[in-house]
Amino acid sequence: MYIPRANEENRLEVLHDLIESHPLASLVTIGPSGLFASHLPMVLERKSATHGLLKAHLSRANKQWQDFRPEVEALAIFCGPEHYISPSWYPEKKETGKVVPTWNYAVVHVYGRLKVIEDPAWLLEHLNALTTANESAFPEPWQVGDAPADYVASLLKGIVGLELPIERIEGKWKASQNQPESNRAGVIDGLERLGTSESLAMKALIAAAKE
């Protein structure tokens, strides 16, 4: 991934935070059929492997778990906040007119060698961890154990587990860092006036990058 120095984010805890707040990954592998991509929610174990360990599962009918080269790095892409940035928000527009639109975003790219797991105990533990991570905010969190045991056992036969030990990790935070203070303030104001959940998330990202 091309990362200008101003947009580089290499603090591991910040990269991990984005993964956990936006856990749906695009998993890209290469195999005999060429490039293959699936979109999978992942669970991060921060203290496993060098930079953490990702766990996921996919349908047994999804051929990606068979159609990849285990010796070649797989890529998992996590996308955080993103938003269009209008040049009309820059005070510089009135001063010189030398402004253009852009798109701000935060992404994390994770690289590692993919492992396939078919052990039912591993799969059940993974599903429990994935469910807990995503149900914890609900007043009455659903648990895997709420479903009949025989039903869960039958579902386990239809999925395959994946582990991706993180060997390399990159973060790119494109958050108006290359703009002068007046333009950044104008972008923050414009995003705040839009008032959408997406614009406010980008406003927060820009403010954090400034700090």
C-alpha atoms as a PDB file:
ATOM      1  CA  MET A   1       0.000   0.000   0.000  1.00  0.00           C
ATOM      2  CA  TYR A   2       1.311   3.450  -0.894  1.00  0.00           C
ATOM      3  CA  ILE A   3       1.551   5.469   2.327  1.00  0.00           C
ATOM      4  CA  PRO A   4       2.901   9.027   2.319  1.00  0.00           C
ATOM      5  CA  ARG A   5       4.777   9.746   5.522  1.00  0.00           C
ATOM      6  CA  ALA A   6       2.121  12.200   6.724  1.00  0.00           C
ATOM      7  CA  ASN A   7      -0.528   9.460   6.506  1.00  0.00           C
ATOM      8  CA  GLU A   8       1.442   6.635   8.115  1.00  0.00           C
ATOM      9  CA  GLU A   9       0.014   5.111  11.286  1.00  0.00           C
ATOM     10  CA  ASN A  10       2.305   2.541  12.903  1.00  0.00           C
ATOM     11  CA  ARG A  11       1.147   2.482  16.535  1.00  0.00           C
ATOM     12  CA  LEU A  12       0.072  -1.114  17.015  1.00  0.00           C
ATOM     13  CA  GLU A  13      -2.605  -0.295  19.594  1.00  0.00           C
ATOM     14  CA  VAL A  14      -4.222   2.211  17.202  1.00  0.00           C
ATOM     15  CA  LEU A  15      -4.183  -0.322  14.355  1.00  0.00           C
ATOM     16  CA  HIS A  16      -5.679  -2.962  16.643  1.00  0.00           C
ATOM     17  CA  ASP A  17      -8.378  -0.502  17.761  1.00  0.00           C
ATOM     18  CA  LEU A  18      -9.501   0.015  14.158  1.00  0.00           C
ATOM     19  CA  ILE A  19      -9.604  -3.735  13.524  1.00  0.00           C
ATOM     20  CA  GLU A  20     -11.802  -4.275  16.576  1.00  0.00           C
ATOM     21  CA  SER A  21     -14.110  -1.355  15.812  1.00  0.00           C
ATOM     22  CA  HIS A  22     -14.460  -2.340  12.122  1.00  0.00           C
ATOM     23  CA  PRO A  23     -14.036  -6.147  12.195  1.00  0.00           C
ATOM     24  CA  LEU A  24     -15.461  -6.955   8.742  1.00  0.00           C
ATOM     25  CA  ALA A  25     -12.381  -7.727   6.654  1.00  0.00           C
ATOM     26  CA  SER A  26     -11.813  -8.263   2.966  1.00  0.00           C
ATOM     27  CA  LEU A  27      -9.670 -11.404   2.896  1.00  0.00           C
ATOM     28  CA  VAL A  28      -7.644 -11.666  -0.303  1.00  0.00           C
ATOM     29  CA  THR A  29      -5.683 -14.759  -1.316  1.00  0.00           C
ATOM     30  CA  ILE A  30      -4.129 -16.117  -4.477  1.00  0.00           C
ATOM     31  CA  GLY A  31      -4.348 -19.698  -5.699  1.00  0.00           C
ATOM     32  CA  PRO A  32      -4.671 -21.828  -8.813  1.00  0.00           C
ATOM     33  CA  SER A  33      -7.803 -19.926  -9.846  1.00  0.00           C
ATOM     34  CA  GLY A  34      -6.143 -16.530  -9.350  1.00  0.00           C
ATOM     35  CA  LEU A  35      -7.171 -13.865  -6.861  1.00  0.00           C
ATOM     36  CA  PHE A  36      -9.990 -14.737  -4.457  1.00  0.00           C
ATOM     37  CA  ALA A  37     -11.687 -12.380  -1.974  1.00  0.00           C
ATOM     38  CA  SER A  38     -14.216 -12.978   0.799  1.00  0.00           C
ATOM     39  CA  HIS A  39     -15.721 -10.551   3.308  1.00  0.00           C
ATOM     40  CA  LEU A  40     -15.511 -11.981   6.806  1.00  0.00           C
ATOM     41  CA  PRO A  41     -15.911 -10.693  10.373  1.00  0.00           C
ATOM     42  CA  MET A  42     -12.720 -11.415  12.271  1.00  0.00           C
ATOM     43  CA  VAL A  43     -11.724 -11.714  15.910  1.00  0.00           C
ATOM     44  CA  LEU A  44      -8.386 -10.239  16.970  1.00  0.00           C
ATOM     45  CA  GLU A  45      -6.239 -11.780  19.681  1.00  0.00           C
ATOM     46  CA  ARG A  46      -3.866  -8.916  20.422  1.00  0.00           C
ATOM     47  CA  LYS A  47      -1.244 -10.802  22.396  1.00  0.00           C
ATOM     48  CA  SER A  48      -0.894 -13.807  20.082  1.00  0.00           C
ATOM     49  CA  ALA A  49       1.787 -14.015  17.360  1.00  0.00           C
ATOM     50  CA  THR A  50       4.174 -11.128  16.657  1.00  0.00           C
ATOM     51  CA  HIS A  51       1.568  -8.454  15.963  1.00  0.00           C
ATOM     52  CA  GLY A  52      -1.576 -10.318  16.924  1.00  0.00           C
ATOM     53  CA  LEU A  53      -3.664 -13.168  15.546  1.00  0.00           C
ATOM     54  CA  LEU A  54      -6.838 -12.973  13.474  1.00  0.00           C
ATOM     55  CA  LYS A  55      -9.474 -15.688  13.562  1.00  0.00           C
ATOM     56  CA  ALA A  56     -12.410 -16.117  11.201  1.00  0.00           C
ATOM     57  CA  HIS A  57     -14.606 -18.730   9.554  1.00  0.00           C
ATOM     58  CA  LEU A  58     -16.253 -19.216   6.210  1.00  0.00           C
ATOM     59  CA  SER A  59     -18.766 -21.562   4.652  1.00  0.00           C
ATOM     60  CA  ARG A  60     -17.392 -24.950   3.700  1.00  0.00           C
ATOM     61  CA  ALA A  61     -18.993 -24.292   0.290  1.00  0.00           C
ATOM     62  CA  ASN A  62     -16.711 -21.253  -0.150  1.00  0.00           C
ATOM     63  CA  LYS A  63     -13.778 -22.627  -2.154  1.00  0.00           C
ATOM     64  CA  GLN A  64     -11.347 -20.010  -0.871  1.00  0.00           C
ATOM     65  CA  TRP A  65     -10.284 -22.272   1.992  1.00  0.00           C
ATOM     66  CA  GLN A  66      -9.056 -24.795  -0.594  1.00  0.00           C
ATOM     67  CA  ASP A  67      -8.026 -22.443  -3.411  1.00  0.00           C
ATOM     68  CA  PHE A  68      -5.074 -20.596  -1.906  1.00  0.00           C
ATOM     69  CA  ARG A  69      -1.329 -21.028  -1.665  1.00  0.00           C
ATOM     70  CA  PRO A  70      -0.412 -21.445   2.020  1.00  0.00           C
ATOM     71  CA  GLU A  71       3.179 -20.394   1.364  1.00  0.00           C
ATOM     72  CA  VAL A  72       2.046 -17.014  -0.037  1.00  0.00           C
ATOM     73  CA  GLU A  73       0.948 -14.196   2.270  1.00  0.00           C
ATOM     74  CA  ALA A  74      -2.772 -13.544   2.489  1.00  0.00           C
ATOM     75  CA  LEU A  75      -4.070  -9.986   2.880  1.00  0.00           C
ATOM     76  CA  ALA A  76      -6.872  -8.849   5.198  1.00  0.00           C
ATOM     77  CA  ILE A  77      -8.120  -5.288   4.669  1.00  0.00           C
ATOM     78  CA  PHE A  78     -10.010  -3.422   7.399  1.00  0.00           C
ATOM     79  CA  CYS A  79     -11.724  -0.155   6.443  1.00  0.00           C
ATOM     80  CA  GLY A  80     -12.446   2.487   9.062  1.00  0.00           C
ATOM     81  CA  PRO A  81     -14.130   5.882   8.701  1.00  0.00           C
ATOM     82  CA  GLU A  82     -14.223   7.383   5.194  1.00  0.00           C
ATOM     83  CA  HIS A  83     -15.763  10.495   3.667  1.00  0.00           C
ATOM     84  CA  TYR A  84     -15.711  12.760   0.633  1.00  0.00           C
ATOM     85  CA  ILE A  85     -14.010  16.097   1.303  1.00  0.00           C
ATOM     86  CA  SER A  86     -15.385  19.080  -0.620  1.00  0.00           C
ATOM     87  CA  PRO A  87     -12.970  21.853  -1.677  1.00  0.00           C
ATOM     88  CA  SER A  88     -15.728  24.329  -0.800  1.00  0.00           C
ATOM     89  CA  TRP A  89     -14.875  23.694   2.862  1.00  0.00           C
ATOM     90  CA  TYR A  90     -11.378  25.153   2.433  1.00  0.00           C
ATOM     91  CA  PRO A  91     -10.979  28.890   3.157  1.00  0.00           C
ATOM     92  CA  GLU A  92      -8.226  28.712   0.544  1.00  0.00           C
ATOM     93  CA  LYS A  93     -10.917  28.293  -2.125  1.00  0.00           C
ATOM     94  CA  LYS A  94     -11.859  31.965  -1.761  1.00  0.00           C
ATOM     95  CA  GLU A  95      -8.241  33.068  -1.447  1.00  0.00           C
ATOM     96  CA  THR A  96      -6.598  31.329  -4.416  1.00  0.00           C
ATOM     97  CA  GLY A  97      -9.073  28.850  -5.912  1.00  0.00           C
ATOM     98  CA  LYS A  98      -6.230  26.308  -5.994  1.00  0.00           C
ATOM     99  CA  VAL A  99      -8.125  23.489  -4.278  1.00  0.00           C
ATOM    100  CA  VAL A 100      -9.561  20.167  -5.412  1.00  0.00           C
ATOM    101  CA  PRO A 101     -11.809  17.466  -3.902  1.00  0.00           C
ATOM    102  CA  THR A 102     -10.363  14.465  -2.115  1.00  0.00           C
ATOM    103  CA  TRP A 103     -11.438  11.461  -0.067  1.00  0.00           C
ATOM    104  CA  ASN A 104     -10.374  10.871   3.513  1.00  0.00           C
ATOM    105  CA  TYR A 105     -10.188   7.388   5.011  1.00  0.00           C
ATOM    106  CA  ALA A 106      -8.464   5.097   7.490  1.00  0.00           C
ATOM    107  CA  VAL A 107      -7.444   1.549   6.547  1.00  0.00           C
ATOM    108  CA  VAL A 108      -5.379  -1.264   7.994  1.00  0.00           C
ATOM    109  CA  HIS A 109      -3.713  -3.919   5.846  1.00  0.00           C
ATOM    110  CA  VAL A 110      -2.723  -7.161   7.552  1.00  0.00           C
ATOM    111  CA  TYR A 111      -0.433  -9.762   5.982  1.00  0.00           C
ATOM    112  CA  GLY A 112       0.258 -13.336   7.061  1.00  0.00           C
ATOM    113  CA  ARG A 113       0.171 -16.976   6.042  1.00  0.00           C
ATOM    114  CA  LEU A 114      -3.311 -18.408   6.306  1.00  0.00           C
ATOM    115  CA  LYS A 115      -4.056 -21.598   8.235  1.00  0.00           C
ATOM    116  CA  VAL A 116      -7.189 -23.722   7.856  1.00  0.00           C
ATOM    117  CA  ILE A 117      -8.800 -25.113  11.032  1.00  0.00           C
ATOM    118  CA  GLU A 118     -11.434 -27.864  10.933  1.00  0.00           C
ATOM    119  CA  ASP A 119     -11.454 -28.843  14.617  1.00  0.00           C
ATOM    120  CA  PRO A 120     -15.050 -28.581  16.000  1.00  0.00           C
ATOM    121  CA  ALA A 121     -13.837 -27.457  19.441  1.00  0.00           C
ATOM    122  CA  TRP A 122     -11.810 -24.624  17.883  1.00  0.00           C
ATOM    123  CA  LEU A 123     -14.779 -23.612  15.739  1.00  0.00           C
ATOM    124  CA  LEU A 124     -17.148 -23.520  18.704  1.00  0.00           C
ATOM    125  CA  GLU A 125     -14.706 -21.465  20.779  1.00  0.00           C
ATOM    126  CA  HIS A 126     -14.274 -19.062  17.861  1.00  0.00           C
ATOM    127  CA  LEU A 127     -18.032 -18.644  17.379  1.00  0.00           C
ATOM    128  CA  ASN A 128     -18.425 -17.920  21.083  1.00  0.00           C
ATOM    129  CA  ALA A 129     -15.680 -15.266  20.927  1.00  0.00           C
ATOM    130  CA  LEU A 130     -17.122 -13.696  17.768  1.00  0.00           C
ATOM    131  CA  THR A 131     -20.624 -13.620  19.237  1.00  0.00           C
ATOM    132  CA  THR A 132     -19.461 -12.149  22.549  1.00  0.00           C
ATOM    133  CA  ALA A 133     -17.520  -9.396  20.760  1.00  0.00           C
ATOM    134  CA  ASN A 134     -20.557  -8.338  18.738  1.00  0.00           C
ATOM    135  CA  GLU A 135     -23.374  -8.938  21.247  1.00  0.00           C
ATOM    136  CA  SER A 136     -21.789  -7.272  24.273  1.00  0.00           C
ATOM    137  CA  ALA A 137     -23.452  -3.896  23.597  1.00  0.00           C
ATOM    138  CA  PHE A 138     -26.977  -5.349  23.635  1.00  0.00           C
ATOM    139  CA  PRO A 139     -29.102  -5.261  26.819  1.00  0.00           C
ATOM    140  CA  GLU A 140     -29.682  -9.017  26.585  1.00  0.00           C
ATOM    141  CA  PRO A 141     -26.758 -10.457  24.619  1.00  0.00           C
ATOM    142  CA  TRP A 142     -27.475 -13.544  22.549  1.00  0.00           C
ATOM    143  CA  GLN A 143     -25.145 -16.478  23.148  1.00  0.00           C
ATOM    144  CA  VAL A 144     -24.350 -19.495  21.007  1.00  0.00           C
ATOM    145  CA  GLY A 145     -25.611 -21.630  23.888  1.00  0.00           C
ATOM    146  CA  ASP A 146     -29.077 -20.119  23.438  1.00  0.00           C
ATOM    147  CA  ALA A 147     -29.504 -22.251  20.313  1.00  0.00           C
ATOM    148  CA  PRO A 148     -30.164 -26.025  20.580  1.00  0.00           C
ATOM    149  CA  ALA A 149     -26.930 -28.004  20.878  1.00  0.00           C
ATOM    150  CA  ASP A 150     -27.783 -30.332  17.989  1.00  0.00           C
ATOM    151  CA  TYR A 151     -28.550 -27.331  15.771  1.00  0.00           C
ATOM    152  CA  VAL A 152     -25.191 -25.740  16.596  1.00  0.00           C
ATOM    153  CA  ALA A 153     -23.405 -29.045  15.977  1.00  0.00           C
ATOM    154  CA  SER A 154     -24.982 -29.304  12.534  1.00  0.00           C
ATOM    155  CA  LEU A 155     -23.939 -25.744  11.674  1.00  0.00           C
ATOM    156  CA  LEU A 156     -20.348 -26.426  12.735  1.00  0.00           C
ATOM    157  CA  LYS A 157     -20.145 -29.098  10.052  1.00  0.00           C
ATOM    158  CA  GLY A 158     -20.848 -26.458   7.419  1.00  0.00           C
ATOM    159  CA  ILE A 159     -18.022 -24.031   8.261  1.00  0.00           C
ATOM    160  CA  VAL A 160     -14.239 -23.969   8.203  1.00  0.00           C
ATOM    161  CA  GLY A 161     -12.014 -21.928  10.526  1.00  0.00           C
ATOM    162  CA  LEU A 162      -9.158 -19.654   9.536  1.00  0.00           C
ATOM    163  CA  GLU A 163      -6.188 -18.309  11.472  1.00  0.00           C
ATOM    164  CA  LEU A 164      -4.030 -15.477  10.190  1.00  0.00           C
ATOM    165  CA  PRO A 165      -0.960 -14.788  12.364  1.00  0.00           C
ATOM    166  CA  ILE A 166      -0.098 -11.145  11.663  1.00  0.00           C
ATOM    167  CA  GLU A 167       3.383 -11.023  10.150  1.00  0.00           C
ATOM    168  CA  ARG A 168       3.101  -7.485   8.754  1.00  0.00           C
ATOM    169  CA  ILE A 169       0.625  -4.699   9.463  1.00  0.00           C
ATOM    170  CA  GLU A 170       0.222  -1.292   7.817  1.00  0.00           C
ATOM    171  CA  GLY A 171      -2.018   1.643   8.627  1.00  0.00           C
ATOM    172  CA  LYS A 172      -2.944   4.616   6.466  1.00  0.00           C
ATOM    173  CA  TRP A 173      -4.822   7.518   8.042  1.00  0.00           C
ATOM    174  CA  LYS A 174      -5.697  10.028   5.286  1.00  0.00           C
ATOM    175  CA  ALA A 175      -7.187  12.727   7.481  1.00  0.00           C
ATOM    176  CA  SER A 176      -6.302  16.099   5.925  1.00  0.00           C
ATOM    177  CA  GLN A 177      -2.834  16.086   7.525  1.00  0.00           C
ATOM    178  CA  ASN A 178      -1.365  17.725   4.412  1.00  0.00           C
ATOM    179  CA  GLN A 179      -3.658  20.754   4.690  1.00  0.00           C
ATOM    180  CA  PRO A 180      -2.871  23.988   6.542  1.00  0.00           C
ATOM    181  CA  GLU A 181      -4.620  24.575   9.848  1.00  0.00           C
ATOM    182  CA  SER A 182      -7.258  26.859   8.339  1.00  0.00           C
ATOM    183  CA  ASN A 183      -8.300  24.239   5.764  1.00  0.00           C
ATOM    184  CA  ARG A 184      -8.421  21.487   8.389  1.00  0.00           C
ATOM    185  CA  ALA A 185     -10.665  23.666  10.533  1.00  0.00           C
ATOM    186  CA  GLY A 186     -12.891  24.271   7.513  1.00  0.00           C
ATOM    187  CA  VAL A 187     -13.170  20.539   6.827  1.00  0.00           C
ATOM    188  CA  ILE A 188     -14.051  19.830  10.461  1.00  0.00           C
ATOM    189  CA  ASP A 189     -16.718  22.526  10.336  1.00  0.00           C
ATOM    190  CA  GLY A 190     -18.135  21.216   7.066  1.00  0.00           C
ATOM    191  CA  LEU A 191     -18.309  17.667   8.365  1.00  0.00           C
ATOM    192  CA  GLU A 192     -19.964  18.823  11.569  1.00  0.00           C
ATOM    193  CA  ARG A 193     -22.608  20.746   9.630  1.00  0.00           C
ATOM    194  CA  LEU A 194     -23.441  17.639   7.603  1.00  0.00           C
ATOM    195  CA  GLY A 195     -24.204  15.914  10.922  1.00  0.00           C
ATOM    196  CA  THR A 196     -24.283  12.333   9.627  1.00  0.00           C
ATOM    197  CA  SER A 197     -22.748   9.435  11.531  1.00  0.00           C
ATOM    198  CA  GLU A 198     -20.163   9.074   8.741  1.00  0.00           C
ATOM    199  CA  SER A 199     -19.234  12.766   8.684  1.00  0.00           C
ATOM    200  CA  LEU A 200     -18.943  12.945  12.471  1.00  0.00           C
ATOM    201  CA  ALA A 201     -16.723   9.851  12.511  1.00  0.00           C
ATOM    202  CA  MET A 202     -14.418  11.527   9.971  1.00  0.00           C
ATOM    203  CA  LYS A 203     -14.473  14.757  11.978  1.00  0.00           C
ATOM    204  CA  ALA A 204     -13.245  12.799  15.010  1.00  0.00           C
ATOM    205  CA  LEU A 205     -10.540  11.111  12.927  1.00  0.00           C
ATOM    206  CA  ILE A 206      -9.229  14.462  11.663  1.00  0.00           C
ATOM    207  CA  ALA A 207      -9.238  15.921  15.174  1.00  0.00           C
ATOM    208  CA  ALA A 208      -7.334  12.892  16.511  1.00  0.00           C
ATOM    209  CA  ALA A 209      -4.795  13.050  13.670  1.00  0.00           C
ATOM    210  CA  LYS A 210      -4.228  16.726  14.427  1.00  0.00           C
ATOM    211  CA  GLU A 211      -3.504  15.924  18.055  1.00  0.00           C
END
